[in-house]
Amino acid sequence: FQIYQTIFNGIAVCIVAYFYCTKFNLAENKLRQSNQKLMQMASLDTLTGLSNRRSMNEYLSVLEFENNRTGKTFCIAIGDVDLFKKVNDNYGHDTGDFILVTLSEMFQNIMKGRGRVARWGGEEFLFCFEGMSIQQATTALEVLRLQIEKKAFQYKEHTLNITMTFGLEEYS
């Protein structure tokens, strides 16, 4: 009888341990997913979906380290939407938000395989061109500047023409 009771108790403990381990693993997976979402939320601009200033600063630190270690070049550009305050004042913040989101999509397209872009401030964006000379980055920015200048931004009944000003420097 003692042998059966010991075996039964052992099996019962194993079953209870299995269910607690399973429950613990599910909770741990949920926690990991939540942490991943929080990390993503902390590094992205909520309106544009671009990197935010904090995550871009981290990225710049990595590029700076790589530059010091290997000499890999990179260029940094800042772009500002010209007369953006007038857009918000004359057409409303929803129109301004539409402009920023549309521009962000254009930025992501031009930066594919070239580096990263972040929303740096209200209507300011920081571009990092990895492994590119200043001439290559200038060419990419000029293509982008012309695309923006030629695009008619249509939001509801308003059609707007937008321009941007860029400043560019090679890291040293």
C-alpha atoms as a PDB file:
ATOM      1  CA  PHE A   1       0.000   0.000   0.000  1.00  0.00           C
ATOM      2  CA  GLN A   2       2.867   2.391   0.833  1.00  0.00           C
ATOM      3  CA  ILE A   3       4.490   1.699  -2.540  1.00  0.00           C
ATOM      4  CA  TYR A   4       1.247   2.515  -4.391  1.00  0.00           C
ATOM      5  CA  GLN A   5       0.739   5.639  -2.315  1.00  0.00           C
ATOM      6  CA  THR A   6       4.341   6.790  -2.995  1.00  0.00           C
ATOM      7  CA  ILE A   7       3.946   6.175  -6.733  1.00  0.00           C
ATOM      8  CA  PHE A   8       0.581   7.949  -6.768  1.00  0.00           C
ATOM      9  CA  ASN A   9       2.008  10.950  -4.846  1.00  0.00           C
ATOM     10  CA  GLY A  10       5.024  11.072  -7.199  1.00  0.00           C
ATOM     11  CA  ILE A  11       2.789  11.065 -10.269  1.00  0.00           C
ATOM     12  CA  ALA A  12       0.537  13.739  -8.712  1.00  0.00           C
ATOM     13  CA  VAL A  13       3.550  15.957  -7.957  1.00  0.00           C
ATOM     14  CA  CYS A  14       4.822  15.504 -11.542  1.00  0.00           C
ATOM     15  CA  ILE A  15       1.426  16.457 -12.980  1.00  0.00           C
ATOM     16  CA  VAL A  16       1.134  19.540 -10.762  1.00  0.00           C
ATOM     17  CA  ALA A  17       4.744  20.546 -11.609  1.00  0.00           C
ATOM     18  CA  TYR A  18       4.035  20.114 -15.332  1.00  0.00           C
ATOM     19  CA  PHE A  19       0.984  22.394 -15.188  1.00  0.00           C
ATOM     20  CA  TYR A  20       2.832  25.038 -13.162  1.00  0.00           C
ATOM     21  CA  CYS A  21       5.782  24.948 -15.599  1.00  0.00           C
ATOM     22  CA  THR A  22       3.429  25.275 -18.562  1.00  0.00           C
ATOM     23  CA  LYS A  23       1.624  28.165 -16.922  1.00  0.00           C
ATOM     24  CA  PHE A  24       4.960  29.805 -16.013  1.00  0.00           C
ATOM     25  CA  ASN A  25       6.233  29.452 -19.620  1.00  0.00           C
ATOM     26  CA  LEU A  26       3.052  31.023 -21.007  1.00  0.00           C
ATOM     27  CA  ALA A  27       3.367  33.939 -18.576  1.00  0.00           C
ATOM     28  CA  GLU A  28       7.043  34.360 -19.459  1.00  0.00           C
ATOM     29  CA  ASN A  29       6.233  34.410 -23.199  1.00  0.00           C
ATOM     30  CA  LYS A  30       3.533  37.047 -22.643  1.00  0.00           C
ATOM     31  CA  LEU A  31       6.003  39.116 -20.643  1.00  0.00           C
ATOM     32  CA  ARG A  32       8.613  38.867 -23.410  1.00  0.00           C
ATOM     33  CA  GLN A  33       6.054  39.941 -26.019  1.00  0.00           C
ATOM     34  CA  SER A  34       4.959  42.868 -23.845  1.00  0.00           C
ATOM     35  CA  ASN A  35       8.568  43.934 -23.318  1.00  0.00           C
ATOM     36  CA  GLN A  36       9.193  43.742 -27.058  1.00  0.00           C
ATOM     37  CA  LYS A  37       6.147  45.934 -27.728  1.00  0.00           C
ATOM     38  CA  LEU A  38       7.292  48.427 -25.087  1.00  0.00           C
ATOM     39  CA  MET A  39      10.783  48.577 -26.604  1.00  0.00           C
ATOM     40  CA  GLN A  40       9.248  49.220 -30.013  1.00  0.00           C
ATOM     41  CA  MET A  41       6.929  51.886 -28.613  1.00  0.00           C
ATOM     42  CA  ALA A  42       9.844  53.554 -26.845  1.00  0.00           C
ATOM     43  CA  SER A  43      11.915  53.732 -30.031  1.00  0.00           C
ATOM     44  CA  LEU A  44       9.329  54.807 -32.623  1.00  0.00           C
ATOM     45  CA  ASP A  45       7.570  58.081 -33.269  1.00  0.00           C
ATOM     46  CA  THR A  46       3.866  57.376 -32.861  1.00  0.00           C
ATOM     47  CA  LEU A  47       2.695  59.590 -35.726  1.00  0.00           C
ATOM     48  CA  THR A  48       5.183  58.742 -38.465  1.00  0.00           C
ATOM     49  CA  GLY A  49       6.404  55.289 -37.467  1.00  0.00           C
ATOM     50  CA  LEU A  50       9.987  56.489 -37.921  1.00  0.00           C
ATOM     51  CA  SER A  51      12.684  56.101 -35.310  1.00  0.00           C
ATOM     52  CA  ASN A  52      12.427  58.707 -32.590  1.00  0.00           C
ATOM     53  CA  ARG A  53      15.196  60.947 -31.290  1.00  0.00           C
ATOM     54  CA  ARG A  54      16.173  58.584 -28.467  1.00  0.00           C
ATOM     55  CA  SER A  55      16.606  55.547 -30.688  1.00  0.00           C
ATOM     56  CA  MET A  56      18.450  57.606 -33.311  1.00  0.00           C
ATOM     57  CA  ASN A  57      20.901  58.773 -30.647  1.00  0.00           C
ATOM     58  CA  GLU A  58      21.584  55.124 -29.794  1.00  0.00           C
ATOM     59  CA  TYR A  59      22.050  54.344 -33.495  1.00  0.00           C
ATOM     60  CA  LEU A  60      24.446  57.289 -33.882  1.00  0.00           C
ATOM     61  CA  SER A  61      26.507  55.970 -30.965  1.00  0.00           C
ATOM     62  CA  VAL A  62      26.851  52.622 -32.750  1.00  0.00           C
ATOM     63  CA  LEU A  63      27.858  54.350 -36.008  1.00  0.00           C
ATOM     64  CA  GLU A  64      30.365  56.504 -34.150  1.00  0.00           C
ATOM     65  CA  PHE A  65      31.866  53.425 -32.478  1.00  0.00           C
ATOM     66  CA  GLU A  66      32.119  51.642 -35.844  1.00  0.00           C
ATOM     67  CA  ASN A  67      33.719  54.727 -37.380  1.00  0.00           C
ATOM     68  CA  ASN A  68      36.336  54.884 -34.612  1.00  0.00           C
ATOM     69  CA  ARG A  69      36.997  51.151 -34.823  1.00  0.00           C
ATOM     70  CA  THR A  70      36.981  50.554 -38.584  1.00  0.00           C
ATOM     71  CA  GLY A  71      36.902  53.978 -40.221  1.00  0.00           C
ATOM     72  CA  LYS A  72      33.504  53.266 -41.807  1.00  0.00           C
ATOM     73  CA  THR A  73      32.134  56.603 -42.966  1.00  0.00           C
ATOM     74  CA  PHE A  74      28.659  57.954 -42.572  1.00  0.00           C
ATOM     75  CA  CYS A  75      26.881  61.206 -43.274  1.00  0.00           C
ATOM     76  CA  ILE A  76      24.283  63.000 -41.204  1.00  0.00           C
ATOM     77  CA  ALA A  77      21.645  65.307 -42.659  1.00  0.00           C
ATOM     78  CA  ILE A  78      18.906  67.273 -41.010  1.00  0.00           C
ATOM     79  CA  GLY A  79      15.840  68.218 -42.994  1.00  0.00           C
ATOM     80  CA  ASP A  80      13.239  70.797 -42.085  1.00  0.00           C
ATOM     81  CA  VAL A  81       9.847  71.300 -43.750  1.00  0.00           C
ATOM     82  CA  ASP A  82       9.773  74.888 -44.982  1.00  0.00           C
ATOM     83  CA  LEU A  83       7.036  77.117 -43.550  1.00  0.00           C
ATOM     84  CA  PHE A  84       5.387  74.183 -41.778  1.00  0.00           C
ATOM     85  CA  LYS A  85       3.821  76.407 -39.121  1.00  0.00           C
ATOM     86  CA  LYS A  86       1.771  78.083 -41.876  1.00  0.00           C
ATOM     87  CA  VAL A  87       0.433  74.671 -42.937  1.00  0.00           C
ATOM     88  CA  ASN A  88      -0.809  73.976 -39.412  1.00  0.00           C
ATOM     89  CA  ASP A  89      -2.114  77.523 -38.943  1.00  0.00           C
ATOM     90  CA  ASN A  90      -3.904  77.776 -42.304  1.00  0.00           C
ATOM     91  CA  TYR A  91      -5.109  74.184 -42.860  1.00  0.00           C
ATOM     92  CA  GLY A  92      -5.142  72.606 -39.401  1.00  0.00           C
ATOM     93  CA  HIS A  93      -3.043  70.072 -37.546  1.00  0.00           C
ATOM     94  CA  ASP A  94      -4.687  67.114 -39.279  1.00  0.00           C
ATOM     95  CA  THR A  95      -3.344  68.422 -42.578  1.00  0.00           C
ATOM     96  CA  GLY A  96       0.061  68.923 -40.987  1.00  0.00           C
ATOM     97  CA  ASP A  97      -0.001  65.377 -39.639  1.00  0.00           C
ATOM     98  CA  PHE A  98      -0.928  64.074 -43.101  1.00  0.00           C
ATOM     99  CA  ILE A  99       2.050  65.938 -44.589  1.00  0.00           C
ATOM    100  CA  LEU A 100       4.421  64.482 -41.971  1.00  0.00           C
ATOM    101  CA  VAL A 101       3.155  60.924 -42.490  1.00  0.00           C
ATOM    102  CA  THR A 102       3.376  61.215 -46.283  1.00  0.00           C
ATOM    103  CA  LEU A 103       6.879  62.666 -46.089  1.00  0.00           C
ATOM    104  CA  SER A 104       7.910  59.871 -43.719  1.00  0.00           C
ATOM    105  CA  GLU A 105       6.860  57.283 -46.288  1.00  0.00           C
ATOM    106  CA  MET A 106       8.948  59.075 -48.907  1.00  0.00           C
ATOM    107  CA  PHE A 107      11.905  59.188 -46.510  1.00  0.00           C
ATOM    108  CA  GLN A 108      11.693  55.466 -45.782  1.00  0.00           C
ATOM    109  CA  ASN A 109      11.686  54.680 -49.499  1.00  0.00           C
ATOM    110  CA  ILE A 110      14.741  56.816 -50.232  1.00  0.00           C
ATOM    111  CA  MET A 111      16.630  55.441 -47.190  1.00  0.00           C
ATOM    112  CA  LYS A 112      16.142  51.723 -47.946  1.00  0.00           C
ATOM    113  CA  GLY A 113      19.588  50.159 -47.918  1.00  0.00           C
ATOM    114  CA  ARG A 114      21.237  53.501 -47.223  1.00  0.00           C
ATOM    115  CA  GLY A 115      20.735  54.033 -43.499  1.00  0.00           C
ATOM    116  CA  ARG A 116      18.059  55.338 -41.200  1.00  0.00           C
ATOM    117  CA  VAL A 117      15.797  58.345 -40.795  1.00  0.00           C
ATOM    118  CA  ALA A 118      14.217  59.623 -37.584  1.00  0.00           C
ATOM    119  CA  ARG A 119      11.764  62.289 -36.594  1.00  0.00           C
ATOM    120  CA  TRP A 120      14.053  64.633 -34.734  1.00  0.00           C
ATOM    121  CA  GLY A 121      11.575  67.322 -33.756  1.00  0.00           C
ATOM    122  CA  GLY A 122       8.190  68.640 -34.849  1.00  0.00           C
ATOM    123  CA  GLU A 123       8.903  68.907 -38.573  1.00  0.00           C
ATOM    124  CA  GLU A 124      12.610  68.134 -38.430  1.00  0.00           C
ATOM    125  CA  PHE A 125      14.044  64.824 -39.583  1.00  0.00           C
ATOM    126  CA  LEU A 126      17.531  63.388 -39.140  1.00  0.00           C
ATOM    127  CA  PHE A 127      18.997  61.178 -41.856  1.00  0.00           C
ATOM    128  CA  CYS A 128      21.996  58.876 -41.385  1.00  0.00           C
ATOM    129  CA  PHE A 129      23.616  57.627 -44.572  1.00  0.00           C
ATOM    130  CA  GLU A 130      25.776  54.616 -43.703  1.00  0.00           C
ATOM    131  CA  GLY A 131      28.959  53.950 -45.671  1.00  0.00           C
ATOM    132  CA  MET A 132      28.252  56.802 -48.072  1.00  0.00           C
ATOM    133  CA  SER A 133      30.439  59.688 -49.084  1.00  0.00           C
ATOM    134  CA  ILE A 134      29.122  63.213 -48.839  1.00  0.00           C
ATOM    135  CA  GLN A 135      28.718  63.274 -52.634  1.00  0.00           C
ATOM    136  CA  GLN A 136      26.544  60.134 -52.595  1.00  0.00           C
ATOM    137  CA  ALA A 137      24.434  61.448 -49.729  1.00  0.00           C
ATOM    138  CA  THR A 138      24.065  64.814 -51.491  1.00  0.00           C
ATOM    139  CA  THR A 139      22.767  63.048 -54.591  1.00  0.00           C
ATOM    140  CA  ALA A 140      20.238  61.030 -52.556  1.00  0.00           C
ATOM    141  CA  LEU A 141      19.021  64.142 -50.736  1.00  0.00           C
ATOM    142  CA  GLU A 142      18.707  66.084 -53.984  1.00  0.00           C
ATOM    143  CA  VAL A 143      16.564  63.309 -55.468  1.00  0.00           C
ATOM    144  CA  LEU A 144      14.386  63.399 -52.350  1.00  0.00           C
ATOM    145  CA  ARG A 145      14.182  67.196 -52.339  1.00  0.00           C
ATOM    146  CA  LEU A 146      13.012  67.214 -55.962  1.00  0.00           C
ATOM    147  CA  GLN A 147      10.446  64.450 -55.317  1.00  0.00           C
ATOM    148  CA  ILE A 148       8.983  66.488 -52.463  1.00  0.00           C
ATOM    149  CA  GLU A 149       8.989  69.706 -54.488  1.00  0.00           C
ATOM    150  CA  LYS A 150       7.155  68.040 -57.412  1.00  0.00           C
ATOM    151  CA  LYS A 151       4.578  66.202 -55.290  1.00  0.00           C
ATOM    152  CA  ALA A 152       1.111  67.655 -54.826  1.00  0.00           C
ATOM    153  CA  PHE A 153       0.028  66.820 -51.277  1.00  0.00           C
ATOM    154  CA  GLN A 154      -3.732  66.276 -51.427  1.00  0.00           C
ATOM    155  CA  TYR A 155      -5.598  66.253 -48.106  1.00  0.00           C
ATOM    156  CA  LYS A 156      -9.373  66.523 -48.228  1.00  0.00           C
ATOM    157  CA  GLU A 157     -10.114  69.614 -50.342  1.00  0.00           C
ATOM    158  CA  HIS A 158      -6.613  71.091 -49.972  1.00  0.00           C
ATOM    159  CA  THR A 159      -3.728  70.619 -52.377  1.00  0.00           C
ATOM    160  CA  LEU A 160      -0.413  71.800 -51.001  1.00  0.00           C
ATOM    161  CA  ASN A 161       3.079  72.087 -52.376  1.00  0.00           C
ATOM    162  CA  ILE A 162       5.793  71.491 -49.822  1.00  0.00           C
ATOM    163  CA  THR A 163       9.520  72.139 -49.892  1.00  0.00           C
ATOM    164  CA  MET A 164      12.269  71.110 -47.518  1.00  0.00           C
ATOM    165  CA  THR A 165      15.665  72.464 -46.620  1.00  0.00           C
ATOM    166  CA  PHE A 166      18.513  70.085 -45.796  1.00  0.00           C
ATOM    167  CA  GLY A 167      21.879  70.426 -44.138  1.00  0.00           C
ATOM    168  CA  LEU A 168      24.436  67.641 -44.654  1.00  0.00           C
ATOM    169  CA  GLU A 169      27.805  66.778 -43.145  1.00  0.00           C
ATOM    170  CA  GLU A 170      30.125  63.793 -43.229  1.00  0.00           C
ATOM    171  CA  TYR A 171      31.006  62.508 -39.761  1.00  0.00           C
ATOM    172  CA  SER A 172      34.582  63.042 -38.650  1.00  0.00           C
END
